[in-house]
Amino acid sequence: MDSNKKSGFVTLIGRPNVGKSTLMNKIIGQKIAITSNKPQTTRNRIQTVYTCDEGQIIFVDTPGIHKAKNKLGDYMVNAAKKSFNEVDVILWLVEPSDFIGAGEKSITEDLSKVKVPVILVINKMDTIVYNEVLKYIDTYRKIYDFAEIIPVSAKKGDGIDDLISTVFKYLPYGPMFYDEETVTDQPVKQIAAEMIREKALHRLSEEIPHGIAVVIESMKETKKSVEIEATIICERDSHKGIIIGKQGSMLKRIGIDSRKDIEHMLEKHVNLKLWVKVKKDWRDSDFLIKNFGYDKKELD
C-alpha cells in the first residue's frame, strides 16, 4: 500500500436541515443519504467512502442534533454525539447566519470535550450575497476555536474541492480501509428502505413523516429484475389512509418515485410492492425501534 496516501474517518454534524446529506451525496457523486426539507430525515449513521489520488475519506453521516422528544429521538442524538471521539476530523455544518441560537451553543458545549480538529462548514452560500460571508465567519469564530472555516454550497457544489483538500490536511497517513470501488458500507436493503422513506417524506403532509419507518420484507433478484416487497409503518389509522390516498393514488405515487431511484442504484428493472401498516407509538418502543433498524447496541 502506498505510504504517501492518507486515510481517515470524518463525521458530519449539525442541526437538522443544514444540508449534511446533500453535501455527502455531492462529494460521493451519487445518492446514498436521503434528503428532504423536513427535520430528522437521517436516522442512522450512514458510512460513505470517498477515494481519490490523495487517499480515502470515510464519511460518517449523523442524524441532526436536536432536542429529543421520544426514544427514537434519543437514539438519533446519541448516535450523533457518539461519533465525536471516534473520528479524525469533525465537519460542523451550519447555515450562513450572524445569530448563534441555543442549538449551536449546545453543540459547542459538546465539542468542547473533543480532541480532534473541528472544521466549520458554512453551507448554503448560494442563498446569500458572497461578501456577507466574512460577517458570518466572524460570528462563528467567536464561539469556538475552529481548525478551519470553509464556505460551500452543497447544492451547487461550490467550495467542495477546497473542503476535501482541507480535510486531507488533517488525516493521518496510512492504508485505505476500503477498495476504490466502494462508496458505502450500508446494505442494499437499508438504502432501498431509506429511498422509499425519502419519497414518502417528499409526498406526504407535514404531520406524518416523523412517524414513518420503512421495512423491506423481501428482496429477490431474478435474471431480468429485482422483486421488492416493502411496508411503510405509521403510527395512526388516519395516517394510513393519507399514505394510501384515494383509491391507492398516494401509495402508487410513492412507489413510482421510489422505483426510479432503486432502479438507478441497482441498474436493473425493479418490481416494487408497497403496503402500509399501523404500529401505534413505535417511536417510543425499544423493541420496534430495533425492529426497524435502529439498534441501540451500536451506541454502547
C-alpha atoms as a PDB file:
ATOM      1  CA  MET A   1       0.000   0.000   0.000  1.00  0.00           C
ATOM      2  CA  ASP A   2       1.290   3.484  -0.878  1.00  0.00           C
ATOM      3  CA  SER A   3       2.663   5.134   2.276  1.00  0.00           C
ATOM      4  CA  ASN A   4       2.036   8.579   0.753  1.00  0.00           C
ATOM      5  CA  LYS A   5      -1.731   8.041   0.935  1.00  0.00           C
ATOM      6  CA  LYS A   6      -3.878   9.428   3.721  1.00  0.00           C
ATOM      7  CA  SER A   7      -6.929   7.696   5.116  1.00  0.00           C
ATOM      8  CA  GLY A   8      -9.302   8.511   7.931  1.00  0.00           C
ATOM      9  CA  PHE A   9     -12.777   8.967   9.334  1.00  0.00           C
ATOM     10  CA  VAL A  10     -14.759  12.204   9.184  1.00  0.00           C
ATOM     11  CA  THR A  11     -18.125  12.898  10.769  1.00  0.00           C
ATOM     12  CA  LEU A  12     -20.681  15.428   9.599  1.00  0.00           C
ATOM     13  CA  ILE A  13     -22.607  17.077  12.409  1.00  0.00           C
ATOM     14  CA  GLY A  14     -25.136  19.875  12.608  1.00  0.00           C
ATOM     15  CA  ARG A  15     -28.707  20.727  13.342  1.00  0.00           C
ATOM     16  CA  PRO A  16     -31.445  19.151  11.204  1.00  0.00           C
ATOM     17  CA  ASN A  17     -31.860  20.555   7.686  1.00  0.00           C
ATOM     18  CA  VAL A  18     -28.460  22.240   7.320  1.00  0.00           C
ATOM     19  CA  GLY A  19     -27.658  20.075   4.297  1.00  0.00           C
ATOM     20  CA  LYS A  20     -25.455  17.259   5.638  1.00  0.00           C
ATOM     21  CA  SER A  21     -26.909  14.560   3.400  1.00  0.00           C
ATOM     22  CA  THR A  22     -26.884  16.858   0.364  1.00  0.00           C
ATOM     23  CA  LEU A  23     -23.196  17.632   0.983  1.00  0.00           C
ATOM     24  CA  MET A  24     -22.286  13.975   1.356  1.00  0.00           C
ATOM     25  CA  ASN A  25     -24.157  12.978  -1.799  1.00  0.00           C
ATOM     26  CA  LYS A  26     -22.406  15.778  -3.715  1.00  0.00           C
ATOM     27  CA  ILE A  27     -18.952  14.653  -2.532  1.00  0.00           C
ATOM     28  CA  ILE A  28     -19.586  10.973  -3.272  1.00  0.00           C
ATOM     29  CA  GLY A  29     -21.208  11.822  -6.603  1.00  0.00           C
ATOM     30  CA  GLN A  30     -24.248   9.617  -6.152  1.00  0.00           C
ATOM     31  CA  LYS A  31     -27.244   9.261  -3.910  1.00  0.00           C
ATOM     32  CA  ILE A  32     -26.567   7.467  -0.613  1.00  0.00           C
ATOM     33  CA  ALA A  33     -28.132   9.604   2.111  1.00  0.00           C
ATOM     34  CA  ILE A  34     -31.736  10.677   1.718  1.00  0.00           C
ATOM     35  CA  THR A  35     -32.625  14.344   1.607  1.00  0.00           C
ATOM     36  CA  SER A  36     -35.800  16.249   2.379  1.00  0.00           C
ATOM     37  CA  ASN A  37     -36.805  19.646   3.706  1.00  0.00           C
ATOM     38  CA  LYS A  38     -38.323  18.029   6.781  1.00  0.00           C
ATOM     39  CA  PRO A  39     -36.319  17.534  10.025  1.00  0.00           C
ATOM     40  CA  GLN A  40     -34.983  14.154  11.141  1.00  0.00           C
ATOM     41  CA  THR A  41     -34.561  12.807   7.633  1.00  0.00           C
ATOM     42  CA  THR A  42     -31.359  10.933   8.505  1.00  0.00           C
ATOM     43  CA  ARG A  43     -31.856   8.391  11.297  1.00  0.00           C
ATOM     44  CA  ASN A  44     -28.877   6.058  11.095  1.00  0.00           C
ATOM     45  CA  ARG A  45     -25.192   6.864  10.820  1.00  0.00           C
ATOM     46  CA  ILE A  46     -24.533   6.322   7.132  1.00  0.00           C
ATOM     47  CA  GLN A  47     -20.983   5.484   6.161  1.00  0.00           C
ATOM     48  CA  THR A  48     -19.835   6.594   2.720  1.00  0.00           C
ATOM     49  CA  VAL A  49     -16.406   6.373   1.165  1.00  0.00           C
ATOM     50  CA  TYR A  50     -14.598   8.962  -0.970  1.00  0.00           C
ATOM     51  CA  THR A  51     -11.427   7.771  -2.723  1.00  0.00           C
ATOM     52  CA  CYS A  52      -9.039   9.885  -4.799  1.00  0.00           C
ATOM     53  CA  ASP A  53      -5.305  10.125  -5.584  1.00  0.00           C
ATOM     54  CA  GLU A  54      -4.585  11.613  -2.153  1.00  0.00           C
ATOM     55  CA  GLY A  55      -6.214   8.751  -0.280  1.00  0.00           C
ATOM     56  CA  GLN A  56      -9.554   7.931   1.279  1.00  0.00           C
ATOM     57  CA  ILE A  57     -12.118   9.733   3.428  1.00  0.00           C
ATOM     58  CA  ILE A  58     -14.746   7.645   5.200  1.00  0.00           C
ATOM     59  CA  PHE A  59     -17.691   9.905   5.990  1.00  0.00           C
ATOM     60  CA  VAL A  60     -19.992   9.042   8.871  1.00  0.00           C
ATOM     61  CA  ASP A  61     -23.216  10.992   8.418  1.00  0.00           C
ATOM     62  CA  THR A  62     -25.139  11.542  11.634  1.00  0.00           C
ATOM     63  CA  PRO A  63     -28.740  12.319  12.489  1.00  0.00           C
ATOM     64  CA  GLY A  64     -29.264  16.024  13.074  1.00  0.00           C
ATOM     65  CA  ILE A  65     -28.701  17.068  16.669  1.00  0.00           C
ATOM     66  CA  HIS A  66     -31.981  18.241  18.177  1.00  0.00           C
ATOM     67  CA  LYS A  67     -33.968  18.155  21.427  1.00  0.00           C
ATOM     68  CA  ALA A  68     -35.242  14.582  21.647  1.00  0.00           C
ATOM     69  CA  LYS A  69     -38.987  14.065  22.131  1.00  0.00           C
ATOM     70  CA  ASN A  70     -39.109  10.258  22.250  1.00  0.00           C
ATOM     71  CA  LYS A  71     -36.892   7.161  22.358  1.00  0.00           C
ATOM     72  CA  LEU A  72     -36.172   7.330  18.635  1.00  0.00           C
ATOM     73  CA  GLY A  73     -35.112  10.945  19.129  1.00  0.00           C
ATOM     74  CA  ASP A  74     -32.818   9.893  21.997  1.00  0.00           C
ATOM     75  CA  TYR A  75     -31.286   7.232  19.779  1.00  0.00           C
ATOM     76  CA  MET A  76     -30.633   9.711  16.991  1.00  0.00           C
ATOM     77  CA  VAL A  77     -28.993  12.330  19.241  1.00  0.00           C
ATOM     78  CA  ASN A  78     -26.829   9.683  20.941  1.00  0.00           C
ATOM     79  CA  ALA A  79     -25.758   8.358  17.534  1.00  0.00           C
ATOM     80  CA  ALA A  80     -24.633  11.838  16.542  1.00  0.00           C
ATOM     81  CA  LYS A  81     -22.707  12.548  19.758  1.00  0.00           C
ATOM     82  CA  LYS A  82     -21.076   9.117  19.927  1.00  0.00           C
ATOM     83  CA  SER A  83     -19.275   9.771  16.661  1.00  0.00           C
ATOM     84  CA  PHE A  84     -17.383  12.818  18.023  1.00  0.00           C
ATOM     85  CA  ASN A  85     -14.437  10.945  19.523  1.00  0.00           C
ATOM     86  CA  GLU A  86     -14.345   8.075  17.022  1.00  0.00           C
ATOM     87  CA  VAL A  87     -13.142  10.106  14.059  1.00  0.00           C
ATOM     88  CA  ASP A  88     -10.089  12.021  12.818  1.00  0.00           C
ATOM     89  CA  VAL A  89     -11.943  15.200  11.806  1.00  0.00           C
ATOM     90  CA  ILE A  90     -15.349  16.721  12.620  1.00  0.00           C
ATOM     91  CA  LEU A  91     -17.158  18.785   9.998  1.00  0.00           C
ATOM     92  CA  TRP A  92     -19.745  21.027  11.626  1.00  0.00           C
ATOM     93  CA  LEU A  93     -22.235  22.186   9.020  1.00  0.00           C
ATOM     94  CA  VAL A  94     -24.122  25.430   9.677  1.00  0.00           C
ATOM     95  CA  GLU A  95     -26.256  27.847   7.731  1.00  0.00           C
ATOM     96  CA  PRO A  96     -24.984  31.377   6.975  1.00  0.00           C
ATOM     97  CA  SER A  97     -26.124  33.478   9.931  1.00  0.00           C
ATOM     98  CA  ASP A  98     -24.899  36.126  12.346  1.00  0.00           C
ATOM     99  CA  PHE A  99     -27.204  34.736  15.051  1.00  0.00           C
ATOM    100  CA  ILE A 100     -25.994  31.941  17.335  1.00  0.00           C
ATOM    101  CA  GLY A 101     -29.002  30.044  18.641  1.00  0.00           C
ATOM    102  CA  ALA A 102     -29.431  27.661  21.548  1.00  0.00           C
ATOM    103  CA  GLY A 103     -28.888  24.655  19.263  1.00  0.00           C
ATOM    104  CA  GLU A 104     -25.490  25.933  18.110  1.00  0.00           C
ATOM    105  CA  LYS A 105     -24.478  26.797  21.692  1.00  0.00           C
ATOM    106  CA  SER A 106     -25.379  23.263  22.793  1.00  0.00           C
ATOM    107  CA  ILE A 107     -23.228  21.788  20.015  1.00  0.00           C
ATOM    108  CA  THR A 108     -20.237  23.968  21.032  1.00  0.00           C
ATOM    109  CA  GLU A 109     -20.593  22.592  24.579  1.00  0.00           C
ATOM    110  CA  ASP A 110     -20.442  19.043  23.227  1.00  0.00           C
ATOM    111  CA  LEU A 111     -17.451  19.929  21.017  1.00  0.00           C
ATOM    112  CA  SER A 112     -15.555  21.426  23.948  1.00  0.00           C
ATOM    113  CA  LYS A 113     -14.969  17.837  25.149  1.00  0.00           C
ATOM    114  CA  VAL A 114     -13.425  16.569  21.896  1.00  0.00           C
ATOM    115  CA  LYS A 115      -9.755  16.458  20.995  1.00  0.00           C
ATOM    116  CA  VAL A 116      -9.973  16.184  17.197  1.00  0.00           C
ATOM    117  CA  PRO A 117      -9.879  19.163  14.796  1.00  0.00           C
ATOM    118  CA  VAL A 118     -13.241  20.731  14.007  1.00  0.00           C
ATOM    119  CA  ILE A 119     -13.768  22.323  10.587  1.00  0.00           C
ATOM    120  CA  LEU A 120     -16.719  24.694  10.344  1.00  0.00           C
ATOM    121  CA  VAL A 121     -18.531  24.417   7.014  1.00  0.00           C
ATOM    122  CA  ILE A 122     -20.863  27.322   6.267  1.00  0.00           C
ATOM    123  CA  ASN A 123     -23.332  25.835   3.794  1.00  0.00           C
ATOM    124  CA  LYS A 124     -25.995  27.366   1.510  1.00  0.00           C
ATOM    125  CA  MET A 125     -23.680  30.069   0.181  1.00  0.00           C
ATOM    126  CA  ASP A 126     -25.895  30.138  -2.920  1.00  0.00           C
ATOM    127  CA  THR A 127     -28.586  31.802  -0.780  1.00  0.00           C
ATOM    128  CA  ILE A 128     -26.583  34.910   0.243  1.00  0.00           C
ATOM    129  CA  VAL A 129     -24.544  37.758  -1.191  1.00  0.00           C
ATOM    130  CA  TYR A 130     -20.995  36.374  -1.123  1.00  0.00           C
ATOM    131  CA  ASN A 131     -19.289  39.317   0.582  1.00  0.00           C
ATOM    132  CA  GLU A 132     -21.576  38.796   3.597  1.00  0.00           C
ATOM    133  CA  VAL A 133     -19.678  35.594   4.400  1.00  0.00           C
ATOM    134  CA  LEU A 134     -16.957  37.450   6.321  1.00  0.00           C
ATOM    135  CA  LYS A 135     -19.583  38.641   8.796  1.00  0.00           C
ATOM    136  CA  TYR A 136     -20.804  35.060   9.347  1.00  0.00           C
ATOM    137  CA  ILE A 137     -17.265  33.693   9.671  1.00  0.00           C
ATOM    138  CA  ASP A 138     -16.542  36.304  12.329  1.00  0.00           C
ATOM    139  CA  THR A 139     -19.728  35.393  14.236  1.00  0.00           C
ATOM    140  CA  TYR A 140     -18.876  31.703  14.432  1.00  0.00           C
ATOM    141  CA  ARG A 141     -15.151  32.280  15.040  1.00  0.00           C
ATOM    142  CA  LYS A 142     -16.042  33.855  18.388  1.00  0.00           C
ATOM    143  CA  ILE A 143     -17.811  30.781  19.774  1.00  0.00           C
ATOM    144  CA  TYR A 144     -15.228  28.052  19.050  1.00  0.00           C
ATOM    145  CA  ASP A 145     -11.594  27.617  18.087  1.00  0.00           C
ATOM    146  CA  PHE A 146     -12.103  26.029  14.670  1.00  0.00           C
ATOM    147  CA  ALA A 147      -9.207  24.439  12.810  1.00  0.00           C
ATOM    148  CA  GLU A 148     -10.622  25.913   9.569  1.00  0.00           C
ATOM    149  CA  ILE A 149     -13.758  27.708   8.359  1.00  0.00           C
ATOM    150  CA  ILE A 150     -14.876  26.939   4.805  1.00  0.00           C
ATOM    151  CA  PRO A 151     -17.914  28.341   2.948  1.00  0.00           C
ATOM    152  CA  VAL A 152     -19.633  25.973   0.496  1.00  0.00           C
ATOM    153  CA  SER A 153     -22.808  25.401  -1.467  1.00  0.00           C
ATOM    154  CA  ALA A 154     -23.604  21.689  -1.205  1.00  0.00           C
ATOM    155  CA  LYS A 155     -26.491  22.186  -3.622  1.00  0.00           C
ATOM    156  CA  LYS A 156     -24.334  23.714  -6.380  1.00  0.00           C
ATOM    157  CA  GLY A 157     -21.021  22.041  -5.488  1.00  0.00           C
ATOM    158  CA  ASP A 158     -19.177  25.322  -4.845  1.00  0.00           C
ATOM    159  CA  GLY A 159     -16.245  25.017  -2.425  1.00  0.00           C
ATOM    160  CA  ILE A 160     -16.361  21.199  -2.339  1.00  0.00           C
ATOM    161  CA  ASP A 161     -12.842  20.725  -3.767  1.00  0.00           C
ATOM    162  CA  ASP A 162     -11.451  23.183  -1.219  1.00  0.00           C
ATOM    163  CA  LEU A 163     -13.248  21.329   1.575  1.00  0.00           C
ATOM    164  CA  ILE A 164     -11.894  17.923   0.515  1.00  0.00           C
ATOM    165  CA  SER A 165      -8.283  19.131   0.244  1.00  0.00           C
ATOM    166  CA  THR A 166      -8.620  20.780   3.680  1.00  0.00           C
ATOM    167  CA  VAL A 167      -9.925  17.571   5.244  1.00  0.00           C
ATOM    168  CA  PHE A 168      -6.937  15.642   3.862  1.00  0.00           C
ATOM    169  CA  LYS A 169      -4.597  18.093   5.643  1.00  0.00           C
ATOM    170  CA  TYR A 170      -5.804  16.702   8.972  1.00  0.00           C
ATOM    171  CA  LEU A 171      -5.951  12.976   8.125  1.00  0.00           C
ATOM    172  CA  PRO A 172      -3.165  10.553   9.108  1.00  0.00           C
ATOM    173  CA  TYR A 173      -1.002   8.732   6.575  1.00  0.00           C
ATOM    174  CA  GLY A 174      -1.915   5.089   6.258  1.00  0.00           C
ATOM    175  CA  PRO A 175      -3.547   2.336   4.200  1.00  0.00           C
ATOM    176  CA  MET A 176      -7.030   2.667   2.761  1.00  0.00           C
ATOM    177  CA  PHE A 177      -9.848   0.952   4.656  1.00  0.00           C
ATOM    178  CA  TYR A 178     -11.943   0.112   1.589  1.00  0.00           C
ATOM    179  CA  ASP A 179     -11.207  -0.748  -2.034  1.00  0.00           C
ATOM    180  CA  GLU A 180     -11.502   2.038  -4.581  1.00  0.00           C
ATOM    181  CA  GLU A 181     -14.908   0.901  -5.885  1.00  0.00           C
ATOM    182  CA  THR A 182     -16.678   1.103  -2.514  1.00  0.00           C
ATOM    183  CA  VAL A 183     -18.976   4.065  -1.926  1.00  0.00           C
ATOM    184  CA  THR A 184     -20.886   2.825   1.138  1.00  0.00           C
ATOM    185  CA  ASP A 185     -20.877   0.026   3.708  1.00  0.00           C
ATOM    186  CA  GLN A 186     -24.678   0.124   4.007  1.00  0.00           C
ATOM    187  CA  PRO A 187     -26.645  -2.980   2.964  1.00  0.00           C
ATOM    188  CA  VAL A 188     -28.620  -2.530  -0.266  1.00  0.00           C
ATOM    189  CA  LYS A 189     -31.855  -3.317   1.602  1.00  0.00           C
ATOM    190  CA  GLN A 190     -31.275  -0.459   4.018  1.00  0.00           C
ATOM    191  CA  ILE A 191     -30.546   2.039   1.239  1.00  0.00           C
ATOM    192  CA  ALA A 192     -33.677   0.899  -0.626  1.00  0.00           C
ATOM    193  CA  ALA A 193     -35.772   1.347   2.542  1.00  0.00           C
ATOM    194  CA  GLU A 194     -34.336   4.842   3.027  1.00  0.00           C
ATOM    195  CA  MET A 195     -35.107   5.731  -0.599  1.00  0.00           C
ATOM    196  CA  ILE A 196     -38.753   4.735  -0.114  1.00  0.00           C
ATOM    197  CA  ARG A 197     -38.917   6.741   3.118  1.00  0.00           C
ATOM    198  CA  GLU A 198     -37.462   9.761   1.318  1.00  0.00           C
ATOM    199  CA  LYS A 199     -40.138   9.636  -1.354  1.00  0.00           C
ATOM    200  CA  ALA A 200     -42.829   9.354   1.316  1.00  0.00           C
ATOM    201  CA  LEU A 201     -41.317  12.401   3.085  1.00  0.00           C
ATOM    202  CA  HIS A 202     -41.497  14.392  -0.141  1.00  0.00           C
ATOM    203  CA  ARG A 203     -45.069  13.387  -0.928  1.00  0.00           C
ATOM    204  CA  LEU A 204     -46.767  13.481   2.479  1.00  0.00           C
ATOM    205  CA  SER A 205     -48.018  16.372   4.566  1.00  0.00           C
ATOM    206  CA  GLU A 206     -46.088  17.873   7.485  1.00  0.00           C
ATOM    207  CA  GLU A 207     -47.581  15.936  10.402  1.00  0.00           C
ATOM    208  CA  ILE A 208     -46.997  12.398   9.119  1.00  0.00           C
ATOM    209  CA  PRO A 209     -43.332  11.822   8.138  1.00  0.00           C
ATOM    210  CA  HIS A 210     -41.862  11.858  11.656  1.00  0.00           C
ATOM    211  CA  GLY A 211     -43.963   8.808  12.420  1.00  0.00           C
ATOM    212  CA  ILE A 212     -42.994   6.587   9.497  1.00  0.00           C
ATOM    213  CA  ALA A 213     -40.456   3.841   9.023  1.00  0.00           C
ATOM    214  CA  VAL A 214     -39.931   1.503   6.083  1.00  0.00           C
ATOM    215  CA  VAL A 215     -39.202  -2.213   6.325  1.00  0.00           C
ATOM    216  CA  ILE A 216     -38.065  -4.266   3.323  1.00  0.00           C
ATOM    217  CA  GLU A 217     -39.973  -7.535   3.748  1.00  0.00           C
ATOM    218  CA  SER A 218     -38.263  -9.315   0.844  1.00  0.00           C
ATOM    219  CA  MET A 219     -35.833  -8.609  -1.978  1.00  0.00           C
ATOM    220  CA  LYS A 220     -35.421 -11.293  -4.628  1.00  0.00           C
ATOM    221  CA  GLU A 221     -33.248 -10.972  -7.701  1.00  0.00           C
ATOM    222  CA  THR A 222     -34.078 -12.693 -10.973  1.00  0.00           C
ATOM    223  CA  LYS A 223     -32.164 -12.548 -14.260  1.00  0.00           C
ATOM    224  CA  LYS A 224     -34.232  -9.633 -15.526  1.00  0.00           C
ATOM    225  CA  SER A 225     -35.423  -7.792 -12.430  1.00  0.00           C
ATOM    226  CA  VAL A 226     -35.444  -7.332  -8.656  1.00  0.00           C
ATOM    227  CA  GLU A 227     -38.681  -8.084  -6.812  1.00  0.00           C
ATOM    228  CA  ILE A 228     -39.072  -5.951  -3.668  1.00  0.00           C
ATOM    229  CA  GLU A 229     -41.866  -6.045  -1.103  1.00  0.00           C
ATOM    230  CA  ALA A 230     -41.821  -3.257   1.480  1.00  0.00           C
ATOM    231  CA  THR A 231     -44.051  -1.990   4.272  1.00  0.00           C
ATOM    232  CA  ILE A 232     -44.447   1.635   5.327  1.00  0.00           C
ATOM    233  CA  ILE A 233     -45.041   1.752   9.093  1.00  0.00           C
ATOM    234  CA  CYS A 234     -47.072   4.643  10.515  1.00  0.00           C
ATOM    235  CA  GLU A 235     -48.444   5.497  13.956  1.00  0.00           C
ATOM    236  CA  ARG A 236     -52.136   6.201  13.348  1.00  0.00           C
ATOM    237  CA  ASP A 237     -55.045   4.813  11.346  1.00  0.00           C
ATOM    238  CA  SER A 238     -55.699   8.314   9.988  1.00  0.00           C
ATOM    239  CA  HIS A 239     -52.108   8.438   8.708  1.00  0.00           C
ATOM    240  CA  LYS A 240     -52.548   5.090   6.982  1.00  0.00           C
ATOM    241  CA  GLY A 241     -55.453   6.487   4.988  1.00  0.00           C
ATOM    242  CA  ILE A 242     -53.431   9.533   3.912  1.00  0.00           C
ATOM    243  CA  ILE A 243     -50.413   7.414   2.918  1.00  0.00           C
ATOM    244  CA  ILE A 244     -52.591   5.101   0.808  1.00  0.00           C
ATOM    245  CA  GLY A 245     -54.572   8.006  -0.664  1.00  0.00           C
ATOM    246  CA  LYS A 246     -57.807   7.973  -2.640  1.00  0.00           C
ATOM    247  CA  GLN A 247     -58.065   4.598  -4.393  1.00  0.00           C
ATOM    248  CA  GLY A 248     -54.376   3.984  -3.583  1.00  0.00           C
ATOM    249  CA  SER A 249     -53.207   7.057  -5.520  1.00  0.00           C
ATOM    250  CA  MET A 250     -50.677   8.365  -2.958  1.00  0.00           C
ATOM    251  CA  LEU A 251     -49.094   4.955  -2.336  1.00  0.00           C
ATOM    252  CA  LYS A 252     -48.832   4.467  -6.083  1.00  0.00           C
ATOM    253  CA  ARG A 253     -47.006   7.796  -6.497  1.00  0.00           C
ATOM    254  CA  ILE A 254     -44.600   6.971  -3.656  1.00  0.00           C
ATOM    255  CA  GLY A 255     -43.948   3.602  -5.306  1.00  0.00           C
ATOM    256  CA  ILE A 256     -43.268   5.112  -8.747  1.00  0.00           C
ATOM    257  CA  ASP A 257     -40.888   7.724  -7.272  1.00  0.00           C
ATOM    258  CA  SER A 258     -39.050   5.110  -5.192  1.00  0.00           C
ATOM    259  CA  ARG A 259     -38.713   2.586  -8.009  1.00  0.00           C
ATOM    260  CA  LYS A 260     -36.829   5.073 -10.211  1.00  0.00           C
ATOM    261  CA  ASP A 261     -34.155   5.669  -7.557  1.00  0.00           C
ATOM    262  CA  ILE A 262     -33.828   1.987  -6.644  1.00  0.00           C
ATOM    263  CA  GLU A 263     -33.528   1.021 -10.334  1.00  0.00           C
ATOM    264  CA  HIS A 264     -30.795   3.632 -10.761  1.00  0.00           C
ATOM    265  CA  MET A 265     -28.920   2.194  -7.755  1.00  0.00           C
ATOM    266  CA  LEU A 266     -29.314  -1.479  -8.752  1.00  0.00           C
ATOM    267  CA  GLU A 267     -29.025  -0.856 -12.526  1.00  0.00           C
ATOM    268  CA  LYS A 268     -31.850  -3.314 -13.020  1.00  0.00           C
ATOM    269  CA  HIS A 269     -35.618  -3.287 -13.541  1.00  0.00           C
ATOM    270  CA  VAL A 270     -37.451  -3.239 -10.188  1.00  0.00           C
ATOM    271  CA  ASN A 271     -40.927  -4.505  -9.351  1.00  0.00           C
ATOM    272  CA  LEU A 272     -41.906  -2.778  -6.102  1.00  0.00           C
ATOM    273  CA  LYS A 273     -44.922  -3.694  -3.981  1.00  0.00           C
ATOM    274  CA  LEU A 274     -45.792  -1.414  -1.057  1.00  0.00           C
ATOM    275  CA  TRP A 275     -48.059  -1.996   1.943  1.00  0.00           C
ATOM    276  CA  VAL A 276     -48.962   0.252   4.876  1.00  0.00           C
ATOM    277  CA  LYS A 277     -49.267  -0.929   8.495  1.00  0.00           C
ATOM    278  CA  VAL A 278     -50.134   0.905  11.710  1.00  0.00           C
ATOM    279  CA  LYS A 279     -47.880   0.360  14.745  1.00  0.00           C
ATOM    280  CA  LYS A 280     -49.037   2.795  17.402  1.00  0.00           C
ATOM    281  CA  ASP A 281     -46.270   4.713  19.231  1.00  0.00           C
ATOM    282  CA  TRP A 282     -43.487   2.680  17.602  1.00  0.00           C
ATOM    283  CA  ARG A 283     -41.023   5.539  18.167  1.00  0.00           C
ATOM    284  CA  ASP A 284     -41.308   5.008  21.952  1.00  0.00           C
ATOM    285  CA  SER A 285     -40.918   1.209  21.788  1.00  0.00           C
ATOM    286  CA  ASP A 286     -37.381  -0.141  22.216  1.00  0.00           C
ATOM    287  CA  PHE A 287     -38.419  -3.396  20.513  1.00  0.00           C
ATOM    288  CA  LEU A 288     -39.969  -1.702  17.472  1.00  0.00           C
ATOM    289  CA  ILE A 289     -37.158   0.832  17.126  1.00  0.00           C
ATOM    290  CA  LYS A 290     -34.722  -2.084  16.943  1.00  0.00           C
ATOM    291  CA  ASN A 291     -37.055  -3.985  14.639  1.00  0.00           C
ATOM    292  CA  PHE A 292     -36.986  -1.100  12.158  1.00  0.00           C
ATOM    293  CA  GLY A 293     -33.206  -0.999  12.028  1.00  0.00           C
ATOM    294  CA  TYR A 294     -32.193   1.404  14.793  1.00  0.00           C
ATOM    295  CA  ASP A 295     -30.143  -0.722  17.183  1.00  0.00           C
ATOM    296  CA  LYS A 296     -29.091   0.921  20.454  1.00  0.00           C
ATOM    297  CA  LYS A 297     -26.351  -1.694  20.928  1.00  0.00           C
ATOM    298  CA  GLU A 298     -24.408   0.135  18.228  1.00  0.00           C
ATOM    299  CA  LEU A 299     -24.174   3.079  20.626  1.00  0.00           C
ATOM    300  CA  ASP A 300     -22.712   1.200  23.626  1.00  0.00           C
END
